[in-house]
Amino acid sequence: MRAATGTSLLVIAVNSLASLVTRGSTTTGLDWAVVAPFTGAAVLGAWDGKRLAARFTGAALRRTFAVALLVVAAAMAVDAVVQSAGRG
C-alpha cells in the first residue's frame, strides 16, 4: 500500500508540475493570492494526514474515507437536484 500511495503521489506531482510549466507560459502570471492558500492547505493537510494515518489502522482509514466520499456524493446529488428544480 505504501508503494502504491507513493507512486500515485509521484504521478500526481509530475502531472501537476508539467501542467504548471505548460500553462505558466500561456498566462500573464499566477494570482498568488489564490494559489498560496491552496498550497498552504495542501501542505498542512498532507502533514496532518501523515500524522493521523500513523494513529489508525488501514481498515479504519478506508472506512473513514468511504464515509467521506459518500457524504460528498450525497451533497453533490442534493445540490444537482436543487439546481435542476430551480431551473424548471
N, C-alpha and C. Protein backbone atom coordinates (compact mmCIF):
# COMPACT_ATOMS: atom_id res chain seq x y z
N MET A 1 0.83 -1.19 0.00
CA MET A 1 0.00 0.00 0.00
C MET A 1 0.88 1.25 0.00
N ARG A 2 1.97 1.23 0.74
CA ARG A 2 2.86 2.40 0.74
C ARG A 2 3.43 2.68 -0.63
N ALA A 3 3.86 1.63 -1.32
CA ALA A 3 4.43 1.81 -2.66
C ALA A 3 3.38 2.37 -3.61
N ALA A 4 2.15 1.87 -3.52
CA ALA A 4 1.08 2.35 -4.40
C ALA A 4 0.77 3.82 -4.11
N THR A 5 0.70 4.17 -2.83
CA THR A 5 0.43 5.56 -2.46
C THR A 5 1.55 6.48 -2.92
N GLY A 6 2.78 6.05 -2.68
CA GLY A 6 3.92 6.87 -3.10
C GLY A 6 3.97 7.05 -4.60
N THR A 7 3.71 5.98 -5.33
CA THR A 7 3.71 6.05 -6.79
C THR A 7 2.60 6.98 -7.28
N SER A 8 1.42 6.86 -6.68
CA SER A 8 0.31 7.72 -7.06
C SER A 8 0.63 9.19 -6.82
N LEU A 9 1.20 9.48 -5.67
CA LEU A 9 1.56 10.87 -5.36
C LEU A 9 2.64 11.39 -6.30
N LEU A 10 3.58 10.53 -6.68
CA LEU A 10 4.61 10.95 -7.62
C LEU A 10 4.00 11.28 -8.98
N VAL A 11 3.08 10.45 -9.46
CA VAL A 11 2.42 10.71 -10.74
C VAL A 11 1.63 12.02 -10.68
N ILE A 12 0.92 12.25 -9.58
CA ILE A 12 0.16 13.50 -9.42
C ILE A 12 1.10 14.69 -9.43
N ALA A 13 2.22 14.60 -8.72
CA ALA A 13 3.17 15.70 -8.66
C ALA A 13 3.77 15.99 -10.03
N VAL A 14 4.15 14.96 -10.77
CA VAL A 14 4.73 15.16 -12.10
C VAL A 14 3.70 15.77 -13.05
N ASN A 15 2.46 15.28 -13.02
CA ASN A 15 1.41 15.85 -13.87
C ASN A 15 1.15 17.31 -13.51
N SER A 16 1.12 17.61 -12.24
CA SER A 16 0.88 18.99 -11.80
C SER A 16 2.01 19.91 -12.24
N LEU A 17 3.23 19.44 -12.09
CA LEU A 17 4.38 20.26 -12.50
C LEU A 17 4.38 20.47 -14.01
N ALA A 18 4.09 19.43 -14.77
CA ALA A 18 4.03 19.57 -16.22
C ALA A 18 2.95 20.55 -16.64
N SER A 19 1.81 20.48 -15.99
CA SER A 19 0.72 21.41 -16.30
C SER A 19 1.10 22.83 -15.95
N LEU A 20 1.74 23.01 -14.80
CA LEU A 20 2.16 24.35 -14.38
C LEU A 20 3.16 24.94 -15.36
N VAL A 21 4.12 24.14 -15.79
CA VAL A 21 5.13 24.62 -16.73
C VAL A 21 4.48 24.96 -18.07
N THR A 22 3.60 24.09 -18.54
CA THR A 22 2.94 24.30 -19.83
C THR A 22 2.03 25.52 -19.81
N ARG A 23 1.21 25.60 -18.80
CA ARG A 23 0.25 26.70 -18.73
C ARG A 23 0.88 28.00 -18.23
N GLY A 24 1.96 27.88 -17.50
CA GLY A 24 2.61 29.07 -16.97
C GLY A 24 3.09 30.02 -18.04
N SER A 25 3.48 29.48 -19.18
CA SER A 25 3.97 30.34 -20.25
C SER A 25 2.84 30.93 -21.07
N THR A 26 1.61 30.45 -20.91
CA THR A 26 0.49 30.95 -21.71
C THR A 26 -0.34 31.99 -20.98
N THR A 27 -0.05 32.22 -19.72
CA THR A 27 -0.82 33.20 -18.95
C THR A 27 0.05 34.39 -18.62
N THR A 28 -0.57 35.43 -18.16
CA THR A 28 0.19 36.62 -17.80
C THR A 28 0.81 36.49 -16.42
N GLY A 29 0.45 35.49 -15.68
CA GLY A 29 1.02 35.27 -14.36
C GLY A 29 0.03 34.56 -13.47
N LEU A 30 0.54 34.08 -12.37
CA LEU A 30 -0.31 33.39 -11.42
C LEU A 30 -0.80 34.37 -10.36
N ASP A 31 -2.02 34.21 -9.93
CA ASP A 31 -2.57 35.02 -8.86
C ASP A 31 -2.19 34.36 -7.54
N TRP A 32 -1.07 34.79 -6.98
CA TRP A 32 -0.53 34.15 -5.78
C TRP A 32 -1.45 34.32 -4.58
N ALA A 33 -2.31 35.29 -4.59
CA ALA A 33 -3.28 35.45 -3.50
C ALA A 33 -4.27 34.29 -3.50
N VAL A 34 -4.46 33.65 -4.64
CA VAL A 34 -5.34 32.47 -4.74
C VAL A 34 -4.52 31.19 -4.58
N VAL A 35 -3.35 31.15 -5.20
CA VAL A 35 -2.52 29.94 -5.19
C VAL A 35 -1.97 29.64 -3.80
N ALA A 36 -1.49 30.63 -3.11
CA ALA A 36 -0.81 30.43 -1.82
C ALA A 36 -1.68 29.75 -0.76
N PRO A 37 -2.93 30.19 -0.55
CA PRO A 37 -3.74 29.50 0.47
C PRO A 37 -4.00 28.02 0.13
N PHE A 38 -4.24 27.71 -1.16
CA PHE A 38 -4.45 26.33 -1.54
C PHE A 38 -3.18 25.50 -1.34
N THR A 39 -2.04 26.08 -1.67
CA THR A 39 -0.78 25.37 -1.48
C THR A 39 -0.53 25.13 0.00
N GLY A 40 -0.75 26.16 0.82
CA GLY A 40 -0.57 26.00 2.27
C GLY A 40 -1.50 24.95 2.85
N ALA A 41 -2.75 24.97 2.41
CA ALA A 41 -3.71 23.98 2.91
C ALA A 41 -3.31 22.57 2.49
N ALA A 42 -2.79 22.41 1.27
CA ALA A 42 -2.37 21.09 0.79
C ALA A 42 -1.19 20.58 1.60
N VAL A 43 -0.23 21.45 1.87
CA VAL A 43 0.95 21.04 2.64
C VAL A 43 0.54 20.67 4.07
N LEU A 44 -0.25 21.51 4.70
CA LEU A 44 -0.70 21.21 6.07
C LEU A 44 -1.57 19.96 6.11
N GLY A 45 -2.43 19.77 5.10
CA GLY A 45 -3.26 18.58 5.05
C GLY A 45 -2.44 17.32 4.90
N ALA A 46 -1.40 17.37 4.06
CA ALA A 46 -0.54 16.21 3.89
C ALA A 46 0.21 15.89 5.19
N TRP A 47 0.69 16.91 5.84
CA TRP A 47 1.43 16.72 7.10
C TRP A 47 0.51 16.14 8.18
N ASP A 48 -0.66 16.75 8.34
CA ASP A 48 -1.61 16.24 9.34
C ASP A 48 -2.12 14.85 8.97
N GLY A 49 -2.33 14.62 7.67
CA GLY A 49 -2.78 13.32 7.22
C GLY A 49 -1.78 12.22 7.54
N LYS A 50 -0.51 12.52 7.39
CA LYS A 50 0.52 11.55 7.71
C LYS A 50 0.50 11.22 9.20
N ARG A 51 0.36 12.24 10.02
CA ARG A 51 0.31 12.01 11.48
C ARG A 51 -0.93 11.20 11.86
N LEU A 52 -2.08 11.53 11.28
CA LEU A 52 -3.30 10.79 11.60
C LEU A 52 -3.24 9.36 11.09
N ALA A 53 -2.67 9.16 9.90
CA ALA A 53 -2.59 7.81 9.33
C ALA A 53 -1.75 6.89 10.21
N ALA A 54 -0.78 7.44 10.90
CA ALA A 54 0.06 6.62 11.77
C ALA A 54 -0.70 6.17 13.02
N ARG A 55 -1.78 6.83 13.36
CA ARG A 55 -2.54 6.52 14.58
C ARG A 55 -3.68 5.53 14.37
N PHE A 56 -4.08 5.32 13.13
CA PHE A 56 -5.25 4.49 12.85
C PHE A 56 -4.86 3.28 11.99
N THR A 57 -5.68 2.26 12.06
CA THR A 57 -5.45 1.08 11.22
C THR A 57 -5.86 1.39 9.79
N GLY A 58 -5.38 0.57 8.88
CA GLY A 58 -5.75 0.74 7.48
C GLY A 58 -7.24 0.60 7.26
N ALA A 59 -7.86 -0.35 7.97
CA ALA A 59 -9.30 -0.55 7.82
C ALA A 59 -10.08 0.67 8.29
N ALA A 60 -9.67 1.25 9.39
CA ALA A 60 -10.37 2.45 9.90
C ALA A 60 -10.22 3.62 8.93
N LEU A 61 -9.04 3.76 8.34
CA LEU A 61 -8.83 4.83 7.37
C LEU A 61 -9.68 4.62 6.12
N ARG A 62 -9.76 3.38 5.64
CA ARG A 62 -10.59 3.08 4.46
C ARG A 62 -12.06 3.37 4.74
N ARG A 63 -12.54 2.96 5.91
CA ARG A 63 -13.94 3.22 6.26
C ARG A 63 -14.22 4.71 6.35
N THR A 64 -13.32 5.44 6.98
CA THR A 64 -13.49 6.89 7.11
C THR A 64 -13.50 7.56 5.74
N PHE A 65 -12.59 7.14 4.87
CA PHE A 65 -12.54 7.70 3.52
C PHE A 65 -13.81 7.37 2.75
N ALA A 66 -14.29 6.14 2.89
CA ALA A 66 -15.53 5.73 2.20
C ALA A 66 -16.71 6.57 2.68
N VAL A 67 -16.80 6.80 3.97
CA VAL A 67 -17.89 7.62 4.51
C VAL A 67 -17.78 9.05 3.97
N ALA A 68 -16.56 9.59 3.95
CA ALA A 68 -16.37 10.95 3.43
C ALA A 68 -16.80 11.03 1.97
N LEU A 69 -16.44 10.02 1.17
CA LEU A 69 -16.85 10.01 -0.24
C LEU A 69 -18.36 9.95 -0.39
N LEU A 70 -19.01 9.11 0.43
CA LEU A 70 -20.47 9.02 0.37
C LEU A 70 -21.13 10.33 0.76
N VAL A 71 -20.61 11.00 1.77
CA VAL A 71 -21.17 12.29 2.20
C VAL A 71 -21.03 13.32 1.08
N VAL A 72 -19.85 13.38 0.46
CA VAL A 72 -19.63 14.33 -0.64
C VAL A 72 -20.55 13.99 -1.82
N ALA A 73 -20.66 12.72 -2.16
CA ALA A 73 -21.54 12.31 -3.26
C ALA A 73 -22.99 12.68 -2.98
N ALA A 74 -23.44 12.46 -1.74
CA ALA A 74 -24.81 12.81 -1.38
C ALA A 74 -25.02 14.32 -1.47
N ALA A 75 -24.06 15.09 -1.00
CA ALA A 75 -24.17 16.55 -1.07
C ALA A 75 -24.22 17.02 -2.52
N MET A 76 -23.42 16.41 -3.38
CA MET A 76 -23.43 16.78 -4.80
C MET A 76 -24.75 16.40 -5.45
N ALA A 77 -25.30 15.25 -5.07
CA ALA A 77 -26.59 14.84 -5.64
C ALA A 77 -27.70 15.78 -5.20
N VAL A 78 -27.71 16.15 -3.94
CA VAL A 78 -28.72 17.08 -3.44
C VAL A 78 -28.59 18.42 -4.15
N ASP A 79 -27.36 18.89 -4.30
CA ASP A 79 -27.13 20.17 -4.99
C ASP A 79 -27.63 20.10 -6.44
N ALA A 80 -27.35 19.00 -7.13
CA ALA A 80 -27.80 18.85 -8.52
C ALA A 80 -29.32 18.84 -8.60
N VAL A 81 -29.98 18.16 -7.67
CA VAL A 81 -31.44 18.12 -7.68
C VAL A 81 -32.02 19.50 -7.40
N VAL A 82 -31.45 20.20 -6.44
CA VAL A 82 -31.94 21.54 -6.10
C VAL A 82 -31.74 22.49 -7.28
N GLN A 83 -30.59 22.43 -7.92
CA GLN A 83 -30.35 23.30 -9.07
C GLN A 83 -31.27 22.96 -10.23
N SER A 84 -31.50 21.68 -10.44
CA SER A 84 -32.39 21.24 -11.50
C SER A 84 -33.82 21.69 -11.23
N ALA A 85 -34.26 21.60 -10.00
CA ALA A 85 -35.61 22.04 -9.65
C ALA A 85 -35.75 23.56 -9.80
N GLY A 86 -34.67 24.29 -9.54
CA GLY A 86 -34.72 25.74 -9.65
C GLY A 86 -34.80 26.21 -11.09
N ARG A 87 -34.33 25.43 -12.02
CA ARG A 87 -34.36 25.80 -13.44
C ARG A 87 -35.70 25.54 -14.10
N GLY A 88 -36.37 24.53 -13.62
CA GLY A 88 -37.54 24.12 -14.38
C GLY A 88 -38.77 24.28 -13.62
